[in-house]
Amino acid sequence: MAKNGCVSFPGGSMYYVSFGRGMKKLIVLPGLSDGLATVKGKALLLESPYRPYLSDYTVFLFSRRNDLPAGFTIRQMAEDQAAAISALGIGKSSVLGVSQGGMIAQLLAAEHPELIEKLVLAVTAPGANEMTRACVERWIRFAEAGDHRALMSDTAEHSYSPEKLRQYRKLYPVLGLVGRPSDYGRFLANARAILGFDAAAAIGKIAAPTLVIGGADDRIIGAEASRELAAGIPGAELYLYPGLGHAAYEEAGDFYTRVFRFLESGS
């Protein structure tokens, strides 16, 4: 059931993976880590958290476009996503956007309501606030210097709970060797797009039922960004994980249960 694919659309192409056999569709848009490694060839690796739901759902997980150019905006990424959905004939679907993927999902839902059944926005914000800007600008400096260990360890320090960090810090000595891209151009294009992102005027147009999930201790976007996002989307629900930060979607054992419970509610 797991599939690795590449979809072409006018002006570009992007890698995706899919799994499941259900009639319901869920599109997943990942965060900034997609700038370091795409989903290409990783269907079996990425399938695991969705397995309990694959009799009812078919899940599509997309990367950003291939050959991502410098200066590309999140609005353009959202338009790419709409074009990819159309090219694959997926039709109206629920969307889960995580971090930067949630930024893309906001504009996709605002500008293409015909494509969105329900929307889940996880650890994301309606714009680049001061906290987000400081983190992203620091990561850009690390990437420009080719300091992969600093990039990965700083990301971890600002993403995980203290308990998780006690385990994760043991890996810091090898972080500079694992997952290092041959070129940081794709990461830099994604990161700089975050700095230019502002959807405050658009999110009020989102008509799909929406769940915003955040971490009460998020040190990348801040918990207030989740509150602001939920307040700006008509009828949106909000849930903040106490004690967790930006990696709440990884650390919370009930994250996917919560997502699919929302998707099934009222259906």
C-alpha atoms as a PDB file:
ATOM      1  CA  MET A   1       0.000   0.000   0.000  1.00  0.00           C
ATOM      2  CA  ALA A   2       2.970   2.342   0.505  1.00  0.00           C
ATOM      3  CA  LYS A   3       3.931   4.340  -2.580  1.00  0.00           C
ATOM      4  CA  ASN A   4       6.810   6.652  -3.457  1.00  0.00           C
ATOM      5  CA  GLY A   5       5.988   9.149  -6.173  1.00  0.00           C
ATOM      6  CA  CYS A   6       6.820  12.386  -7.926  1.00  0.00           C
ATOM      7  CA  VAL A   7       4.053  14.596  -9.269  1.00  0.00           C
ATOM      8  CA  SER A   8       4.520  17.133 -12.055  1.00  0.00           C
ATOM      9  CA  PHE A   9       2.401  20.260 -12.390  1.00  0.00           C
ATOM     10  CA  PRO A  10       2.711  23.401 -14.531  1.00  0.00           C
ATOM     11  CA  GLY A  11       6.124  24.888 -13.792  1.00  0.00           C
ATOM     12  CA  GLY A  12       7.432  22.287 -11.372  1.00  0.00           C
ATOM     13  CA  SER A  13       7.350  18.920  -9.637  1.00  0.00           C
ATOM     14  CA  MET A  14       7.527  17.546  -6.097  1.00  0.00           C
ATOM     15  CA  TYR A  15       8.097  14.256  -4.324  1.00  0.00           C
ATOM     16  CA  TYR A  16       5.383  12.650  -2.258  1.00  0.00           C
ATOM     17  CA  VAL A  17       4.633   9.402  -0.486  1.00  0.00           C
ATOM     18  CA  SER A  18       1.245   7.814   0.071  1.00  0.00           C
ATOM     19  CA  PHE A  19      -0.121   4.921   2.083  1.00  0.00           C
ATOM     20  CA  GLY A  20      -3.481   3.456   2.977  1.00  0.00           C
ATOM     21  CA  ARG A  21      -6.553   2.219   1.139  1.00  0.00           C
ATOM     22  CA  GLY A  22      -9.328   4.304   2.662  1.00  0.00           C
ATOM     23  CA  MET A  23     -11.757   6.506   0.807  1.00  0.00           C
ATOM     24  CA  LYS A  24     -11.054   9.477   3.080  1.00  0.00           C
ATOM     25  CA  LYS A  25      -7.995  11.544   2.178  1.00  0.00           C
ATOM     26  CA  LEU A  26      -5.456  13.252   4.434  1.00  0.00           C
ATOM     27  CA  ILE A  27      -2.675  15.487   3.111  1.00  0.00           C
ATOM     28  CA  VAL A  28       0.311  16.066   5.417  1.00  0.00           C
ATOM     29  CA  LEU A  29       2.695  19.002   4.963  1.00  0.00           C
ATOM     30  CA  PRO A  30       5.932  18.751   6.988  1.00  0.00           C
ATOM     31  CA  GLY A  31       8.028  21.485   8.553  1.00  0.00           C
ATOM     32  CA  LEU A  32      11.372  23.115   7.847  1.00  0.00           C
ATOM     33  CA  SER A  33      13.204  19.777   8.064  1.00  0.00           C
ATOM     34  CA  ASP A  34      11.985  19.222   4.490  1.00  0.00           C
ATOM     35  CA  GLY A  35      14.671  21.720   3.528  1.00  0.00           C
ATOM     36  CA  LEU A  36      17.324  19.228   4.641  1.00  0.00           C
ATOM     37  CA  ALA A  37      15.778  16.023   3.254  1.00  0.00           C
ATOM     38  CA  THR A  38      12.684  15.414   1.151  1.00  0.00           C
ATOM     39  CA  VAL A  39      10.259  12.503   1.524  1.00  0.00           C
ATOM     40  CA  LYS A  40      11.696  10.835  -1.584  1.00  0.00           C
ATOM     41  CA  GLY A  41      11.743   7.044  -1.173  1.00  0.00           C
ATOM     42  CA  LYS A  42      10.616   7.132   2.475  1.00  0.00           C
ATOM     43  CA  ALA A  43       7.054   5.787   2.283  1.00  0.00           C
ATOM     44  CA  LEU A  44       7.702   2.765   4.507  1.00  0.00           C
ATOM     45  CA  LEU A  45       9.657   4.862   7.002  1.00  0.00           C
ATOM     46  CA  LEU A  46       6.963   7.545   7.302  1.00  0.00           C
ATOM     47  CA  GLU A  47       3.922   5.255   7.351  1.00  0.00           C
ATOM     48  CA  SER A  48       4.161   4.078  10.972  1.00  0.00           C
ATOM     49  CA  PRO A  49       2.108   6.692  12.923  1.00  0.00           C
ATOM     50  CA  TYR A  50      -0.749   6.477  10.409  1.00  0.00           C
ATOM     51  CA  ARG A  51      -1.127   2.679  10.317  1.00  0.00           C
ATOM     52  CA  PRO A  52      -4.077   2.448  12.745  1.00  0.00           C
ATOM     53  CA  TYR A  53      -6.123   4.668  10.407  1.00  0.00           C
ATOM     54  CA  LEU A  54      -5.223   3.346   6.962  1.00  0.00           C
ATOM     55  CA  SER A  55      -8.298   1.179   6.489  1.00  0.00           C
ATOM     56  CA  ASP A  56     -10.357   4.383   6.412  1.00  0.00           C
ATOM     57  CA  TYR A  57      -7.801   6.880   5.082  1.00  0.00           C
ATOM     58  CA  THR A  58      -5.321   7.300   2.288  1.00  0.00           C
ATOM     59  CA  VAL A  59      -2.535   9.599   3.463  1.00  0.00           C
ATOM     60  CA  PHE A  60      -0.394  11.747   1.157  1.00  0.00           C
ATOM     61  CA  LEU A  61       2.758  13.369   2.547  1.00  0.00           C
ATOM     62  CA  PHE A  62       4.346  16.016   0.299  1.00  0.00           C
ATOM     63  CA  SER A  63       7.699  17.745   0.074  1.00  0.00           C
ATOM     64  CA  ARG A  64       8.132  21.248  -1.321  1.00  0.00           C
ATOM     65  CA  ARG A  65       8.834  21.537  -5.023  1.00  0.00           C
ATOM     66  CA  ASN A  66      12.080  20.161  -6.440  1.00  0.00           C
ATOM     67  CA  ASP A  67      14.747  22.745  -7.311  1.00  0.00           C
ATOM     68  CA  LEU A  68      13.267  25.208  -4.825  1.00  0.00           C
ATOM     69  CA  PRO A  69      14.488  28.646  -5.925  1.00  0.00           C
ATOM     70  CA  ALA A  70      15.812  31.378  -3.662  1.00  0.00           C
ATOM     71  CA  GLY A  71      13.125  33.957  -2.896  1.00  0.00           C
ATOM     72  CA  PHE A  72      10.243  31.480  -3.181  1.00  0.00           C
ATOM     73  CA  THR A  73       7.415  32.453  -0.818  1.00  0.00           C
ATOM     74  CA  ILE A  74       5.081  30.409   1.326  1.00  0.00           C
ATOM     75  CA  ARG A  75       2.201  31.715  -0.773  1.00  0.00           C
ATOM     76  CA  GLN A  76       3.889  30.229  -3.843  1.00  0.00           C
ATOM     77  CA  MET A  77       4.395  26.966  -1.946  1.00  0.00           C
ATOM     78  CA  ALA A  78       0.656  26.906  -1.216  1.00  0.00           C
ATOM     79  CA  GLU A  79      -0.109  27.418  -4.901  1.00  0.00           C
ATOM     80  CA  ASP A  80       2.294  24.584  -5.763  1.00  0.00           C
ATOM     81  CA  GLN A  81       0.427  22.370  -3.317  1.00  0.00           C
ATOM     82  CA  ALA A  82      -2.928  23.191  -4.873  1.00  0.00           C
ATOM     83  CA  ALA A  83      -1.487  22.372  -8.311  1.00  0.00           C
ATOM     84  CA  ALA A  84      -0.070  19.051  -7.066  1.00  0.00           C
ATOM     85  CA  ILE A  85      -3.411  18.061  -5.512  1.00  0.00           C
ATOM     86  CA  SER A  86      -5.123  18.830  -8.814  1.00  0.00           C
ATOM     87  CA  ALA A  87      -2.527  16.946 -10.859  1.00  0.00           C
ATOM     88  CA  LEU A  88      -2.954  13.819  -8.725  1.00  0.00           C
ATOM     89  CA  GLY A  89      -6.753  14.086  -8.762  1.00  0.00           C
ATOM     90  CA  ILE A  90      -6.911  13.788  -4.976  1.00  0.00           C
ATOM     91  CA  GLY A  91      -9.912  16.063  -4.625  1.00  0.00           C
ATOM     92  CA  LYS A  92     -11.267  17.530  -1.414  1.00  0.00           C
ATOM     93  CA  SER A  93      -9.207  16.339   1.554  1.00  0.00           C
ATOM     94  CA  SER A  94      -8.349  17.006   5.147  1.00  0.00           C
ATOM     95  CA  VAL A  95      -4.960  18.655   5.686  1.00  0.00           C
ATOM     96  CA  LEU A  96      -2.464  18.370   8.538  1.00  0.00           C
ATOM     97  CA  GLY A  97       0.212  21.069   8.419  1.00  0.00           C
ATOM     98  CA  VAL A  98       3.122  20.965  10.879  1.00  0.00           C
ATOM     99  CA  SER A  99       5.245  24.037  11.668  1.00  0.00           C
ATOM    100  CA  GLN A 100       6.212  25.568   8.292  1.00  0.00           C
ATOM    101  CA  GLY A 101       3.865  23.062   6.672  1.00  0.00           C
ATOM    102  CA  GLY A 102       1.120  24.613   8.785  1.00  0.00           C
ATOM    103  CA  MET A 103       1.955  28.014   7.312  1.00  0.00           C
ATOM    104  CA  ILE A 104       1.521  26.597   3.822  1.00  0.00           C
ATOM    105  CA  ALA A 105      -1.723  24.917   4.924  1.00  0.00           C
ATOM    106  CA  GLN A 106      -3.146  28.216   6.201  1.00  0.00           C
ATOM    107  CA  LEU A 107      -2.839  29.875   2.792  1.00  0.00           C
ATOM    108  CA  LEU A 108      -3.935  26.718   0.962  1.00  0.00           C
ATOM    109  CA  ALA A 109      -7.127  26.657   3.042  1.00  0.00           C
ATOM    110  CA  ALA A 110      -7.724  30.406   2.739  1.00  0.00           C
ATOM    111  CA  GLU A 111      -7.240  30.575  -1.032  1.00  0.00           C
ATOM    112  CA  HIS A 112      -8.526  27.131  -2.072  1.00  0.00           C
ATOM    113  CA  PRO A 113     -11.461  26.272   0.204  1.00  0.00           C
ATOM    114  CA  GLU A 114     -12.776  23.834  -2.409  1.00  0.00           C
ATOM    115  CA  LEU A 115      -9.821  21.541  -1.616  1.00  0.00           C
ATOM    116  CA  ILE A 116     -10.161  21.432   2.184  1.00  0.00           C
ATOM    117  CA  GLU A 117     -12.466  19.162   4.170  1.00  0.00           C
ATOM    118  CA  LYS A 118     -10.936  19.743   7.631  1.00  0.00           C
ATOM    119  CA  LEU A 119      -7.756  21.452   8.739  1.00  0.00           C
ATOM    120  CA  VAL A 120      -5.284  20.652  11.531  1.00  0.00           C
ATOM    121  CA  LEU A 121      -2.553  23.211  12.180  1.00  0.00           C
ATOM    122  CA  ALA A 122       0.173  21.939  14.509  1.00  0.00           C
ATOM    123  CA  VAL A 123       2.881  24.050  16.201  1.00  0.00           C
ATOM    124  CA  THR A 124       2.521  26.828  13.662  1.00  0.00           C
ATOM    125  CA  ALA A 125       1.843  30.561  13.572  1.00  0.00           C
ATOM    126  CA  PRO A 126       0.088  33.139  11.384  1.00  0.00           C
ATOM    127  CA  GLY A 127       3.355  35.020  10.934  1.00  0.00           C
ATOM    128  CA  ALA A 128       7.022  35.233  11.863  1.00  0.00           C
ATOM    129  CA  ASN A 129       6.970  36.734  15.346  1.00  0.00           C
ATOM    130  CA  GLU A 130      10.058  37.936  17.206  1.00  0.00           C
ATOM    131  CA  MET A 131      10.767  34.532  18.777  1.00  0.00           C
ATOM    132  CA  THR A 132      10.430  32.705  15.459  1.00  0.00           C
ATOM    133  CA  ARG A 133      12.534  35.251  13.637  1.00  0.00           C
ATOM    134  CA  ALA A 134      15.384  34.943  16.168  1.00  0.00           C
ATOM    135  CA  CYS A 135      15.441  31.141  15.810  1.00  0.00           C
ATOM    136  CA  VAL A 136      15.238  31.075  12.036  1.00  0.00           C
ATOM    137  CA  GLU A 137      17.847  33.793  11.555  1.00  0.00           C
ATOM    138  CA  ARG A 138      20.222  31.845  13.807  1.00  0.00           C
ATOM    139  CA  TRP A 139      19.630  28.645  11.814  1.00  0.00           C
ATOM    140  CA  ILE A 140      20.295  30.529   8.597  1.00  0.00           C
ATOM    141  CA  ARG A 141      23.662  31.651   9.969  1.00  0.00           C
ATOM    142  CA  PHE A 142      24.559  28.066  10.935  1.00  0.00           C
ATOM    143  CA  ALA A 143      23.537  26.773   7.497  1.00  0.00           C
ATOM    144  CA  GLU A 144      25.466  29.502   5.683  1.00  0.00           C
ATOM    145  CA  ALA A 145      28.543  28.518   7.720  1.00  0.00           C
ATOM    146  CA  GLY A 146      27.966  24.808   7.011  1.00  0.00           C
ATOM    147  CA  ASP A 147      27.809  24.090  10.753  1.00  0.00           C
ATOM    148  CA  HIS A 148      25.411  21.160  10.698  1.00  0.00           C
ATOM    149  CA  ARG A 149      26.059  20.132  14.278  1.00  0.00           C
ATOM    150  CA  ALA A 150      25.177  23.613  15.561  1.00  0.00           C
ATOM    151  CA  LEU A 151      22.075  23.734  13.359  1.00  0.00           C
ATOM    152  CA  MET A 152      20.743  20.401  14.573  1.00  0.00           C
ATOM    153  CA  SER A 153      21.626  20.803  18.248  1.00  0.00           C
ATOM    154  CA  ASP A 154      20.158  24.315  18.420  1.00  0.00           C
ATOM    155  CA  THR A 155      16.967  23.089  16.749  1.00  0.00           C
ATOM    156  CA  ALA A 156      16.725  20.268  19.291  1.00  0.00           C
ATOM    157  CA  GLU A 157      17.370  22.589  22.251  1.00  0.00           C
ATOM    158  CA  HIS A 158      14.475  24.814  21.176  1.00  0.00           C
ATOM    159  CA  SER A 159      12.085  21.996  20.201  1.00  0.00           C
ATOM    160  CA  TYR A 160      12.096  19.281  22.865  1.00  0.00           C
ATOM    161  CA  SER A 161      11.004  19.035  26.472  1.00  0.00           C
ATOM    162  CA  PRO A 162      13.704  18.887  29.191  1.00  0.00           C
ATOM    163  CA  GLU A 163      13.041  15.168  29.669  1.00  0.00           C
ATOM    164  CA  LYS A 164      13.505  14.419  25.968  1.00  0.00           C
ATOM    165  CA  LEU A 165      16.602  16.604  25.786  1.00  0.00           C
ATOM    166  CA  ARG A 166      18.314  14.544  28.478  1.00  0.00           C
ATOM    167  CA  GLN A 167      18.118  11.611  26.057  1.00  0.00           C
ATOM    168  CA  TYR A 168      18.749  13.582  22.871  1.00  0.00           C
ATOM    169  CA  ARG A 169      21.895  15.371  24.071  1.00  0.00           C
ATOM    170  CA  LYS A 170      23.742  12.058  24.059  1.00  0.00           C
ATOM    171  CA  LEU A 171      23.539  12.204  20.253  1.00  0.00           C
ATOM    172  CA  TYR A 172      25.046  15.682  19.895  1.00  0.00           C
ATOM    173  CA  PRO A 173      28.616  14.420  19.220  1.00  0.00           C
ATOM    174  CA  VAL A 174      27.457  12.722  15.991  1.00  0.00           C
ATOM    175  CA  LEU A 175      24.909  15.291  14.816  1.00  0.00           C
ATOM    176  CA  GLY A 176      27.406  16.924  12.496  1.00  0.00           C
ATOM    177  CA  LEU A 177      27.780  13.657  10.606  1.00  0.00           C
ATOM    178  CA  VAL A 178      24.154  12.533  10.230  1.00  0.00           C
ATOM    179  CA  GLY A 179      21.704  13.975   7.707  1.00  0.00           C
ATOM    180  CA  ARG A 180      24.064  16.653   6.434  1.00  0.00           C
ATOM    181  CA  PRO A 181      22.945  17.807   2.960  1.00  0.00           C
ATOM    182  CA  SER A 182      25.459  18.304   0.162  1.00  0.00           C
ATOM    183  CA  ASP A 183      24.095  21.830  -0.247  1.00  0.00           C
ATOM    184  CA  TYR A 184      22.067  24.068   2.076  1.00  0.00           C
ATOM    185  CA  GLY A 185      20.356  26.031  -0.689  1.00  0.00           C
ATOM    186  CA  ARG A 186      17.027  24.254  -0.269  1.00  0.00           C
ATOM    187  CA  PHE A 187      17.069  24.715   3.503  1.00  0.00           C
ATOM    188  CA  LEU A 188      17.932  28.403   3.163  1.00  0.00           C
ATOM    189  CA  ALA A 189      15.122  28.991   0.658  1.00  0.00           C
ATOM    190  CA  ASN A 190      12.615  27.384   3.036  1.00  0.00           C
ATOM    191  CA  ALA A 191      13.943  29.236   6.076  1.00  0.00           C
ATOM    192  CA  ARG A 192      13.935  32.655   4.407  1.00  0.00           C
ATOM    193  CA  ALA A 193      10.363  32.062   3.248  1.00  0.00           C
ATOM    194  CA  ILE A 194       9.337  31.814   6.920  1.00  0.00           C
ATOM    195  CA  LEU A 195      10.816  35.249   7.626  1.00  0.00           C
ATOM    196  CA  GLY A 196       8.564  36.772   4.962  1.00  0.00           C
ATOM    197  CA  PHE A 197       5.399  34.961   6.027  1.00  0.00           C
ATOM    198  CA  ASP A 198       2.338  36.871   7.251  1.00  0.00           C
ATOM    199  CA  ALA A 199      -1.122  35.286   6.959  1.00  0.00           C
ATOM    200  CA  ALA A 200      -2.889  37.456   9.551  1.00  0.00           C
ATOM    201  CA  ALA A 201      -5.123  39.010   6.903  1.00  0.00           C
ATOM    202  CA  ALA A 202      -5.872  35.672   5.213  1.00  0.00           C
ATOM    203  CA  ILE A 203      -6.765  33.281   8.014  1.00  0.00           C
ATOM    204  CA  GLY A 204     -10.155  34.888   8.597  1.00  0.00           C
ATOM    205  CA  LYS A 205     -11.153  33.464   5.191  1.00  0.00           C
ATOM    206  CA  ILE A 206     -10.588  29.856   6.307  1.00  0.00           C
ATOM    207  CA  ALA A 207     -13.985  28.155   6.210  1.00  0.00           C
ATOM    208  CA  ALA A 208     -13.037  24.549   6.973  1.00  0.00           C
ATOM    209  CA  PRO A 209     -13.444  23.194  10.519  1.00  0.00           C
ATOM    210  CA  THR A 210     -10.026  23.758  12.089  1.00  0.00           C
ATOM    211  CA  LEU A 211      -8.074  22.378  15.035  1.00  0.00           C
ATOM    212  CA  VAL A 212      -4.978  24.253  16.212  1.00  0.00           C
ATOM    213  CA  ILE A 213      -2.538  22.175  18.282  1.00  0.00           C
ATOM    214  CA  GLY A 214       0.404  23.773  20.066  1.00  0.00           C
ATOM    215  CA  GLY A 215       2.888  23.301  22.851  1.00  0.00           C
ATOM    216  CA  ALA A 216       2.409  25.361  25.985  1.00  0.00           C
ATOM    217  CA  ASP A 217       6.204  25.639  26.283  1.00  0.00           C
ATOM    218  CA  ASP A 218       7.002  26.219  22.599  1.00  0.00           C
ATOM    219  CA  ARG A 219      10.293  28.122  22.297  1.00  0.00           C
ATOM    220  CA  ILE A 220      10.232  28.541  18.507  1.00  0.00           C
ATOM    221  CA  ILE A 221       6.840  30.100  17.830  1.00  0.00           C
ATOM    222  CA  GLY A 222       5.554  30.546  21.404  1.00  0.00           C
ATOM    223  CA  ALA A 223       2.225  29.359  22.800  1.00  0.00           C
ATOM    224  CA  GLU A 224       0.720  32.785  22.140  1.00  0.00           C
ATOM    225  CA  ALA A 225       1.126  32.208  18.397  1.00  0.00           C
ATOM    226  CA  SER A 226      -1.139  29.148  18.635  1.00  0.00           C
ATOM    227  CA  ARG A 227      -3.699  31.204  20.552  1.00  0.00           C
ATOM    228  CA  GLU A 228      -3.485  34.007  17.989  1.00  0.00           C
ATOM    229  CA  LEU A 229      -3.924  31.574  15.123  1.00  0.00           C
ATOM    230  CA  ALA A 230      -6.964  29.901  16.671  1.00  0.00           C
ATOM    231  CA  ALA A 231      -8.534  33.268  17.497  1.00  0.00           C
ATOM    232  CA  GLY A 232      -8.133  34.422  13.894  1.00  0.00           C
ATOM    233  CA  ILE A 233      -9.822  31.403  12.266  1.00  0.00           C
ATOM    234  CA  PRO A 234     -13.626  31.383  12.561  1.00  0.00           C
ATOM    235  CA  GLY A 235     -14.777  28.603  14.891  1.00  0.00           C
ATOM    236  CA  ALA A 236     -11.306  27.066  15.344  1.00  0.00           C
ATOM    237  CA  GLU A 237     -10.614  24.752  18.271  1.00  0.00           C
ATOM    238  CA  LEU A 238      -7.373  25.054  20.259  1.00  0.00           C
ATOM    239  CA  TYR A 239      -5.425  22.511  22.276  1.00  0.00           C
ATOM    240  CA  LEU A 240      -2.072  23.231  23.967  1.00  0.00           C
ATOM    241  CA  TYR A 241       0.020  20.346  25.303  1.00  0.00           C
ATOM    242  CA  PRO A 242       1.203  21.252  28.815  1.00  0.00           C
ATOM    243  CA  GLY A 243       4.929  20.774  29.348  1.00  0.00           C
ATOM    244  CA  LEU A 244       5.706  20.283  25.647  1.00  0.00           C
ATOM    245  CA  GLY A 245       7.207  22.580  23.068  1.00  0.00           C
ATOM    246  CA  HIS A 246       7.608  22.733  19.304  1.00  0.00           C
ATOM    247  CA  ALA A 247       8.134  18.965  19.033  1.00  0.00           C
ATOM    248  CA  ALA A 248       4.772  18.211  20.662  1.00  0.00           C
ATOM    249  CA  TYR A 249       3.742  16.341  17.501  1.00  0.00           C
ATOM    250  CA  GLU A 250       6.652  13.934  18.136  1.00  0.00           C
ATOM    251  CA  GLU A 251       6.553  13.739  21.927  1.00  0.00           C
ATOM    252  CA  ALA A 252       2.821  13.564  22.673  1.00  0.00           C
ATOM    253  CA  GLY A 253       1.730   9.935  22.620  1.00  0.00           C
ATOM    254  CA  ASP A 254      -1.831  10.890  21.717  1.00  0.00           C
ATOM    255  CA  PHE A 255      -1.028  13.404  18.959  1.00  0.00           C
ATOM    256  CA  TYR A 256      -2.305  11.300  16.041  1.00  0.00           C
ATOM    257  CA  THR A 257      -5.235  10.011  18.081  1.00  0.00           C
ATOM    258  CA  ARG A 258      -6.200  13.630  18.700  1.00  0.00           C
ATOM    259  CA  VAL A 259      -5.819  14.534  15.034  1.00  0.00           C
ATOM    260  CA  PHE A 260      -7.939  11.667  13.728  1.00  0.00           C
ATOM    261  CA  ARG A 261     -10.545  12.079  16.464  1.00  0.00           C
ATOM    262  CA  PHE A 262     -11.033  15.642  15.201  1.00  0.00           C
ATOM    263  CA  LEU A 263     -11.152  14.490  11.576  1.00  0.00           C
ATOM    264  CA  GLU A 264     -13.849  11.955  12.466  1.00  0.00           C
ATOM    265  CA  SER A 265     -15.893  14.306  14.637  1.00  0.00           C
ATOM    266  CA  GLY A 266     -19.213  15.268  13.102  1.00  0.00           C
ATOM    267  CA  SER A 267     -18.677  12.925  10.159  1.00  0.00           C
END
